[in-house]
Every structure is written in structure tokens, then in C-alpha cells.
Amino acid sequence: MIQRIFPVLLLLLSVFVGCKDTNSTETNTNTDPTILAADSIAALAPATVTVYAWVDKLRMRSEPDTKSDIVAEIAEGGAMTFLDEKTDFTQQITLRGKAYDEPWLKVKTTEGKTGWVYGGGVKFYEPKVAALPTPYDRCMDYFKRRRISQANKCITDIEGKQLSKDRQYVKKTKEGALEFNLLNGQKKQLDDSAIEEAAAQQSYFYRYYVPQMGLFVVAVNGQETDSYRLVNDKSGKETMIWGFPVVAPDFKKLVSYRGDLKNDVDRNGLQIFGYTDQGLELIWEKKMEKYEPIIVKWLDVQEAEVMVLPKSTTGNLKLKVAKLHKDDAGEWVLDLK
């Protein structure tokens, strides 16, 4: 009897042990149920979407309407988290001279503010933003869109604001001259009214002041040609440059650019001025024969983006983007594809 029961007991014991081992193996290999649940929720949750303002001072409002309260103003290039909510309706709004018909998006800023921004004012990729904007960037954008009259009006408006802002250093006289109060206590005046020959007379327009470089920026317009001048805020020394200057973020150099293939090919292109042991000097120059530079913006201290238009009198002129940077030898180069 015992001999017959013993094999049965052995069989039962083996089955029990086998089941225990199996359970032990499953416990070691399976994920903790709470972790598994968390992973499943994360997989089902929508991915975070970041949008970026492509216009400066983009207004975030409490409600999706231009008449609602302003919650915040987002700087150009500012990042926001899209909260996966947009309006069912669209609205026609003009931004930088271009008409848009877009919905409103609910977003959250990096500071934690929540509100609504107009969809036409954002992009779903990070735009390249000037590292050191100039007061006239909005005006230059009009030139890019070939809205010349709007660009000129914009420049006139900004000039008035800059004269008011820097009134302790510069003023425009009733005769149209620019009078500077230099840091050495002396005065300097730019005025050609004493020149009898009308063709030789020039008009001077104040642009802005760069105290970090000790320079006043002045536009010079004449019947024959136009240019820009940099006026030293201490000595009053003038440096002639081709066109509008854009200062680098390190305040050690600037790019002067001018587009004029029709009237002055010799000064159509780019210049870089920087401080050396001899003072402010021209350190690089590039004349362009097939393109006109329209907008320049520094992306960092070693690289600038240059928007150019091809030389053409017919057809749809398409903007191209060139890269201004230093090569392996430390020389400035302009790459245009």
C-alpha cells in the first residue's frame, strides 16, 4: 500500500514545486502593475507641442478675441506650449503687412501664464531671431515684402521715437540739421545748408545710438547718392559706410549692408567694421553683382543671416538666404546657395 502511495506523493510534490517555480519566474519578469499602468497612460497622453512667436510683442489674451484683456506680450521667438485647444472659427488679421485667416490657439508661456494667441502669429518651428535687434527691424521687413511706402513711413516714425529717446545727445534743428552733444562736452553739427550748389547738398537723418560701441548712426541722402555715417560719441569723428549698420551681439563689430544694383553697383553688398588698435576700421568687404542684400541679422557673434534678392527686372523675385560667417582660416565668407 505504501509502495503504491509513495509514487503518487512524489508526483504531487513535483507538480507543486513546478508551479511554484513558474510563479516565481513570472514575478521576476513581469513589470510592476503600477508601472505598467503609468506607462500606458503616458503612451496615450498627447505629446507636448511647442509653438513660437514670429512677430514681436505677440499679444496673449484672456479670451480668443482682439478686444479681450491682454495677459502677456510674447517677444519674437518666444516659446509657448500649445494646450491642444483651438477655436472652431477663424479670424482675418493682418500681421506685418500680410493678411491671415487663422483660428486662435490656447497656450501656456514658460512663466506659467495661460491664454489665447492668434494662430497667424505663431509657427510650429523655432524661427531664427536676431541676437541683437535694431529699432528698425519691423521697417526692414516691409522692404522684404516690397512695401516701400510703408517701409519709409515706418522709418520716419521710428526716427522720431529715437530722437525723443536720445534727446540728451542729439536733436534736429528747425533747419533740418543734426546737432550732437558729444561726451567730451563739445557739440557737433551735420549740416550742408551752407553749400550753394544744390546738387552737392545732403540731408541727414538720425537712426539710433549704440553706446556700447560709442557710435551714433546717421543716414545721409543726397541728389547724387546716399550712404550712412557712424559718428563717434566722444570725438565726433565720422566713418563713412555703405548702408544700414547692424551691430553684433558682442558690440565689437557691425555689418553694413546696401542693395542698389541699378544705381550704384560699386556699393551694392556688405561691409564689416570692427575695432582694432587703430580704432574703428573696415575689416571685410563684399561687392555683390547678382544679388541685393535686403535684411541682415546676427544669429550669434560669429554668424549672420543675410536675405538677398536676385538681380532681375521681370518675373517673381524669390528671396534667398545667405550665411555670413568665419571659415576654418578665420576669414569672413558669404555662403549663398
Protein backbone atom coordinates (compact mmCIF):
# COMPACT_ATOMS: atom_id res chain seq x y z
CA MET A 1 0.00 0.00 0.00
CA ILE A 2 2.79 2.41 0.96
CA GLN A 3 4.68 1.47 -2.20
CA ARG A 4 1.67 2.48 -4.28
CA ILE A 5 1.06 5.77 -2.44
CA PHE A 6 4.69 6.95 -2.48
CA PRO A 7 4.93 7.43 -6.28
CA VAL A 8 1.71 9.45 -6.16
CA LEU A 9 3.11 11.69 -3.44
CA LEU A 10 6.27 12.23 -5.47
CA LEU A 11 4.16 13.19 -8.50
CA LEU A 12 2.12 15.67 -6.48
CA LEU A 13 5.26 17.15 -4.94
CA SER A 14 6.86 17.67 -8.33
CA VAL A 15 3.76 19.39 -9.66
CA PHE A 16 3.67 21.71 -6.62
CA VAL A 17 7.32 22.64 -6.96
CA GLY A 18 6.91 23.21 -10.69
CA CYS A 19 4.02 25.55 -10.14
CA LYS A 20 5.96 27.47 -7.50
CA ASP A 21 8.95 27.90 -9.83
CA THR A 22 6.70 29.09 -12.61
CA ASN A 23 5.07 31.69 -10.39
CA SER A 24 8.48 32.80 -9.17
CA THR A 25 9.68 33.27 -12.75
CA GLU A 26 6.63 35.33 -13.67
CA THR A 27 7.14 37.58 -10.66
CA ASN A 28 10.71 38.33 -11.73
CA THR A 29 9.98 39.03 -15.39
CA ASN A 30 6.68 40.92 -15.35
CA THR A 31 6.60 44.71 -14.79
CA ASP A 32 5.10 46.08 -11.63
CA PRO A 33 1.35 46.62 -12.37
CA THR A 34 1.52 50.26 -11.21
CA ILE A 35 4.47 50.95 -13.53
CA LEU A 36 2.68 49.25 -16.38
CA ALA A 37 -0.37 51.43 -15.84
CA ALA A 38 1.72 54.62 -15.74
CA ASP A 39 3.48 53.66 -18.98
CA SER A 40 0.14 53.01 -20.66
CA ILE A 41 -1.19 56.41 -19.62
CA ALA A 42 1.96 58.14 -20.87
CA ALA A 43 1.65 56.37 -24.20
CA LEU A 44 -1.93 57.54 -24.56
CA ALA A 45 -1.21 61.14 -23.48
CA PRO A 46 -0.71 63.64 -26.34
CA ALA A 47 2.87 64.79 -27.00
CA THR A 48 3.76 68.30 -25.88
CA VAL A 49 3.68 70.71 -28.81
CA THR A 50 5.72 73.92 -28.69
CA VAL A 51 4.86 76.95 -30.81
CA TYR A 52 6.96 80.09 -31.32
CA ALA A 53 6.01 83.72 -31.86
CA TRP A 54 7.32 85.01 -35.18
CA VAL A 55 6.19 88.61 -34.62
CA ASP A 56 7.45 90.79 -31.80
CA LYS A 57 5.09 91.58 -28.89
CA LEU A 58 2.56 88.92 -29.86
CA ARG A 59 -0.39 89.52 -27.55
CA MET A 60 -1.74 86.70 -25.40
CA ARG A 61 -5.34 87.43 -24.44
CA SER A 62 -7.69 86.10 -21.82
CA GLU A 63 -10.23 85.11 -24.49
CA PRO A 64 -9.87 84.39 -28.23
CA ASP A 65 -10.77 87.91 -29.27
CA THR A 66 -8.80 91.07 -30.06
CA LYS A 67 -10.95 93.04 -27.61
CA SER A 68 -10.30 90.83 -24.58
CA ASP A 69 -7.76 91.62 -21.86
CA ILE A 70 -4.05 91.26 -22.66
CA VAL A 71 -2.45 88.61 -20.42
CA ALA A 72 1.11 88.95 -21.76
CA GLU A 73 3.17 90.12 -24.74
CA ILE A 74 5.42 87.47 -26.26
CA ALA A 75 8.74 88.53 -27.78
CA GLU A 76 9.68 87.33 -31.25
CA GLY A 77 10.98 83.77 -30.99
CA GLY A 78 9.31 83.25 -27.60
CA ALA A 79 8.26 79.65 -26.92
CA MET A 80 4.80 78.59 -25.73
CA THR A 81 3.19 75.23 -25.02
CA PHE A 82 0.13 74.53 -27.18
CA LEU A 83 -2.63 73.27 -24.86
CA ASP A 84 -4.33 71.26 -27.62
CA GLU A 85 -7.27 73.64 -27.87
CA LYS A 86 -8.18 75.97 -30.72
CA THR A 87 -11.27 77.88 -31.79
CA ASP A 88 -13.75 76.46 -34.28
CA PHE A 89 -13.79 79.82 -36.03
CA THR A 90 -11.06 81.74 -37.85
CA GLN A 91 -10.40 85.47 -37.92
CA GLN A 92 -8.84 87.71 -40.54
CA ILE A 93 -5.94 89.73 -39.10
CA THR A 94 -3.08 91.49 -40.89
CA LEU A 95 0.42 90.91 -39.48
CA ARG A 96 3.50 92.63 -40.91
CA GLY A 97 1.57 93.66 -43.99
CA LYS A 98 0.22 90.16 -44.76
CA ALA A 99 -3.40 89.07 -44.27
CA TYR A 100 -4.06 85.85 -42.33
CA ASP A 101 -7.24 83.86 -41.72
CA GLU A 102 -6.43 81.59 -38.78
CA PRO A 103 -8.02 80.29 -35.55
CA TRP A 104 -6.94 81.19 -32.03
CA LEU A 105 -4.76 78.79 -30.02
CA LYS A 106 -4.75 78.25 -26.27
CA VAL A 107 -1.17 78.29 -24.99
CA LYS A 108 0.95 78.48 -21.86
CA THR A 109 4.11 80.56 -21.52
CA THR A 110 7.35 79.43 -19.92
CA GLU A 111 6.40 81.68 -16.97
CA GLY A 112 3.18 79.72 -16.48
CA LYS A 113 0.72 82.26 -17.92
CA THR A 114 -2.20 80.78 -19.86
CA GLY A 115 -4.23 82.46 -22.55
CA TRP A 116 -5.06 82.70 -26.26
CA VAL A 117 -2.82 83.82 -29.14
CA TYR A 118 -3.73 84.36 -32.77
CA GLY A 119 -2.69 81.37 -34.90
CA GLY A 120 -1.25 83.56 -37.64
CA GLY A 121 1.30 84.95 -35.20
CA VAL A 122 2.98 81.64 -34.35
CA LYS A 123 5.00 78.95 -36.10
CA PHE A 124 5.49 75.31 -35.13
CA TYR A 125 9.25 75.57 -35.55
CA GLU A 126 11.70 77.87 -33.82
CA PRO A 127 12.36 80.89 -36.05
CA LYS A 128 15.80 82.40 -36.37
CA VAL A 129 15.69 85.56 -34.33
CA ALA A 130 18.21 88.37 -34.41
CA ALA A 131 20.54 88.10 -31.42
CA LEU A 132 20.58 91.91 -31.14
CA PRO A 133 17.56 93.54 -32.85
CA THR A 134 17.69 97.09 -34.19
CA PRO A 135 14.86 99.62 -33.73
CA TYR A 136 14.12 99.39 -37.47
CA ASP A 137 13.71 95.62 -37.92
CA ARG A 138 9.97 95.95 -38.48
CA CYS A 139 10.60 98.56 -41.19
CA MET A 140 13.11 96.32 -42.97
CA ASP A 141 10.51 93.57 -43.02
CA TYR A 142 8.33 95.88 -45.16
CA PHE A 143 11.20 96.20 -47.63
CA LYS A 144 11.38 92.40 -47.78
CA ARG A 145 7.70 92.35 -48.72
CA ARG A 146 8.31 95.13 -51.29
CA ARG A 147 6.04 97.57 -49.46
CA ILE A 148 8.30 100.57 -49.99
CA SER A 149 5.89 103.32 -48.93
CA GLN A 150 5.05 101.51 -45.69
CA ALA A 151 8.74 100.92 -45.02
CA ASN A 152 9.59 104.60 -45.49
CA LYS A 153 6.72 105.68 -43.22
CA CYS A 154 7.86 103.17 -40.62
CA ILE A 155 11.41 104.54 -40.71
CA THR A 156 10.16 108.12 -40.29
CA ASP A 157 8.04 107.10 -37.29
CA ILE A 158 10.90 105.23 -35.64
CA GLU A 159 13.31 108.13 -36.26
CA GLY A 160 11.00 110.41 -34.30
CA LYS A 161 10.93 107.95 -31.41
CA GLN A 162 14.71 107.58 -31.43
CA LEU A 163 15.22 111.36 -31.41
CA SER A 164 12.91 111.58 -28.41
CA LYS A 165 14.65 108.68 -26.66
CA ASP A 166 18.16 110.12 -27.20
CA ARG A 167 17.26 113.80 -26.87
CA GLN A 168 20.03 114.39 -24.31
CA TYR A 169 22.57 113.51 -27.04
CA VAL A 170 21.02 114.66 -30.31
CA LYS A 171 18.37 116.96 -31.71
CA LYS A 172 17.12 118.01 -35.12
CA THR A 173 17.14 121.75 -35.69
CA LYS A 174 14.44 123.70 -37.48
CA GLU A 175 16.77 123.91 -40.48
CA GLY A 176 16.98 120.12 -40.63
CA ALA A 177 20.50 119.77 -39.26
CA LEU A 178 21.51 117.18 -36.68
CA GLU A 179 23.22 118.58 -33.59
CA PHE A 180 25.07 116.21 -31.24
CA ASN A 181 26.14 116.74 -27.64
CA LEU A 182 29.38 114.78 -27.54
CA LEU A 183 30.62 113.11 -24.36
CA ASN A 184 33.70 115.39 -24.35
CA GLY A 185 31.40 118.36 -23.76
CA GLN A 186 31.63 119.74 -27.29
CA LYS A 187 28.90 119.98 -29.91
CA LYS A 188 28.95 118.64 -33.44
CA GLN A 189 26.57 119.58 -36.21
CA LEU A 190 25.86 117.83 -39.50
CA ASP A 191 24.54 120.42 -41.94
CA ASP A 192 25.19 121.16 -45.61
CA SER A 193 22.87 124.15 -45.90
CA ALA A 194 25.87 126.47 -46.43
CA ILE A 195 26.72 124.68 -49.68
CA GLU A 196 25.37 126.80 -52.52
CA GLU A 197 25.38 124.08 -55.16
CA ALA A 198 22.06 122.27 -54.73
CA ALA A 199 23.32 119.03 -56.25
CA ALA A 200 26.01 118.79 -53.58
CA GLN A 201 23.68 119.35 -50.64
CA GLN A 202 22.77 116.39 -48.44
CA SER A 203 20.12 115.69 -45.84
CA TYR A 204 20.89 113.95 -42.54
CA PHE A 205 18.56 111.62 -40.67
CA TYR A 206 19.15 110.20 -37.22
CA ARG A 207 18.80 106.44 -36.88
CA TYR A 208 19.95 105.23 -33.44
CA TYR A 209 22.68 105.31 -30.79
CA VAL A 210 24.97 102.40 -29.82
CA PRO A 211 26.56 103.50 -26.51
CA GLN A 212 28.38 100.15 -26.16
CA MET A 213 30.34 100.99 -29.31
CA GLY A 214 30.31 104.76 -28.79
CA LEU A 215 28.57 105.42 -32.13
CA PHE A 216 25.67 107.46 -33.46
CA VAL A 217 24.15 106.10 -36.69
CA VAL A 218 23.17 108.67 -39.31
CA ALA A 219 21.62 108.23 -42.76
CA VAL A 220 22.79 110.64 -45.46
CA ASN A 221 20.63 111.35 -48.51
CA GLY A 222 21.70 113.44 -51.47
CA GLN A 223 20.62 114.02 -55.06
CA GLU A 224 23.54 112.01 -56.40
CA THR A 225 23.81 109.21 -53.87
CA ASP A 226 23.05 108.11 -50.31
CA SER A 227 25.06 106.44 -47.58
CA TYR A 228 25.42 106.13 -43.83
CA ARG A 229 27.81 107.62 -41.33
CA LEU A 230 28.95 106.48 -37.92
CA VAL A 231 29.68 109.41 -35.60
CA ASN A 232 31.95 108.78 -32.60
CA ASP A 233 30.15 109.95 -29.44
CA LYS A 234 33.37 111.33 -27.88
CA SER A 235 35.48 112.78 -30.70
CA GLY A 236 32.81 113.40 -33.33
CA LYS A 237 34.91 111.54 -35.91
CA GLU A 238 32.85 110.35 -38.88
CA THR A 239 33.20 106.95 -40.57
CA MET A 240 31.57 106.50 -43.96
CA ILE A 241 29.82 103.17 -44.57
CA TRP A 242 27.76 101.84 -47.48
CA GLY A 243 24.44 101.24 -45.83
CA PHE A 244 22.38 100.41 -42.77
CA PRO A 245 24.51 99.00 -39.92
CA VAL A 246 23.56 96.02 -37.76
CA VAL A 247 25.61 95.62 -34.58
CA ALA A 248 26.87 92.19 -33.48
CA PRO A 249 25.87 90.89 -30.01
CA ASP A 250 29.43 91.31 -28.69
CA PHE A 251 29.41 95.04 -29.61
CA LYS A 252 32.83 94.63 -31.24
CA LYS A 253 31.74 94.73 -34.88
CA LEU A 254 28.87 95.57 -37.19
CA VAL A 255 27.65 94.68 -40.68
CA SER A 256 26.79 97.47 -43.09
CA TYR A 257 24.58 96.39 -45.99
CA ARG A 258 23.24 98.15 -49.06
CA GLY A 259 21.21 96.91 -52.02
CA ASP A 260 21.42 99.07 -55.13
CA LEU A 261 22.31 97.21 -58.33
CA LYS A 262 20.53 99.76 -60.52
CA ASN A 263 22.25 102.98 -59.44
CA ASP A 264 25.44 102.14 -57.56
CA VAL A 265 26.88 98.70 -58.28
CA ASP A 266 30.18 99.58 -56.58
CA ARG A 267 28.47 99.85 -53.19
CA ASN A 268 25.98 97.02 -53.54
CA GLY A 269 26.93 94.45 -50.93
CA LEU A 270 28.25 94.02 -47.41
CA GLN A 271 30.92 95.51 -45.16
CA ILE A 272 32.11 94.51 -41.70
CA PHE A 273 33.59 97.19 -39.44
CA GLY A 274 35.30 96.42 -36.17
CA TYR A 275 37.55 97.96 -33.55
CA THR A 276 41.30 97.45 -33.91
CA ASP A 277 44.30 99.11 -32.26
CA GLN A 278 43.78 101.97 -34.73
CA GLY A 279 40.11 102.39 -33.85
CA LEU A 280 37.04 101.56 -35.92
CA GLU A 281 38.17 100.12 -39.28
CA LEU A 282 36.86 98.23 -42.27
CA ILE A 283 37.87 94.59 -41.80
CA TRP A 284 35.92 92.89 -44.62
CA GLU A 285 34.02 93.88 -47.74
CA LYS A 286 31.98 92.01 -50.33
CA LYS A 287 30.55 93.54 -53.50
CA MET A 288 27.64 91.58 -54.95
CA GLU A 289 26.96 91.53 -58.69
CA LYS A 290 23.89 89.30 -58.92
CA TYR A 291 22.07 89.90 -55.64
CA GLU A 292 20.91 92.78 -53.48
CA PRO A 293 21.08 92.36 -49.69
CA ILE A 294 17.70 93.21 -48.14
CA ILE A 295 17.93 92.21 -44.47
CA VAL A 296 20.84 91.23 -42.22
CA LYS A 297 20.57 89.83 -38.70
CA TRP A 298 23.23 88.43 -36.40
CA LEU A 299 22.38 84.96 -35.04
CA ASP A 300 25.40 84.99 -32.71
CA VAL A 301 28.80 86.71 -32.51
CA GLN A 302 30.26 84.59 -35.34
CA GLU A 303 27.34 84.17 -37.75
CA ALA A 304 24.85 86.42 -39.51
CA GLU A 305 21.94 85.64 -41.82
CA VAL A 306 21.67 87.71 -44.99
CA MET A 307 18.46 87.82 -47.05
CA VAL A 308 19.08 88.74 -50.68
CA LEU A 309 17.07 89.34 -53.85
CA PRO A 310 18.38 88.17 -57.22
CA LYS A 311 19.04 90.77 -59.92
CA SER A 312 16.07 90.69 -62.26
CA THR A 313 13.67 93.09 -63.91
CA THR A 314 10.94 90.54 -64.66
CA GLY A 315 9.35 87.53 -63.03
CA ASN A 316 8.67 86.66 -59.42
CA LEU A 317 11.75 87.56 -57.40
CA LYS A 318 12.31 84.96 -54.69
CA LEU A 319 14.25 85.75 -51.57
CA LYS A 320 17.33 83.67 -50.82
CA VAL A 321 19.20 83.32 -47.56
CA ALA A 322 22.98 83.52 -47.32
CA LYS A 323 25.21 82.73 -44.36
CA LEU A 324 27.92 85.17 -43.30
CA HIS A 325 30.50 83.53 -41.04
CA LYS A 326 34.18 82.81 -40.49
CA ASP A 327 35.83 79.86 -42.26
CA ASP A 328 38.43 77.49 -40.81
CA ALA A 329 41.16 80.03 -41.56
CA GLY A 330 39.34 82.71 -39.57
CA GLU A 331 38.33 84.73 -42.65
CA TRP A 332 34.84 86.08 -43.18
CA VAL A 333 32.96 84.38 -46.03
CA LEU A 334 29.47 84.64 -47.52
CA ASP A 335 27.86 81.30 -48.43
CA LEU A 336 24.99 81.66 -50.87
CA LYS A 337 23.28 78.54 -52.19
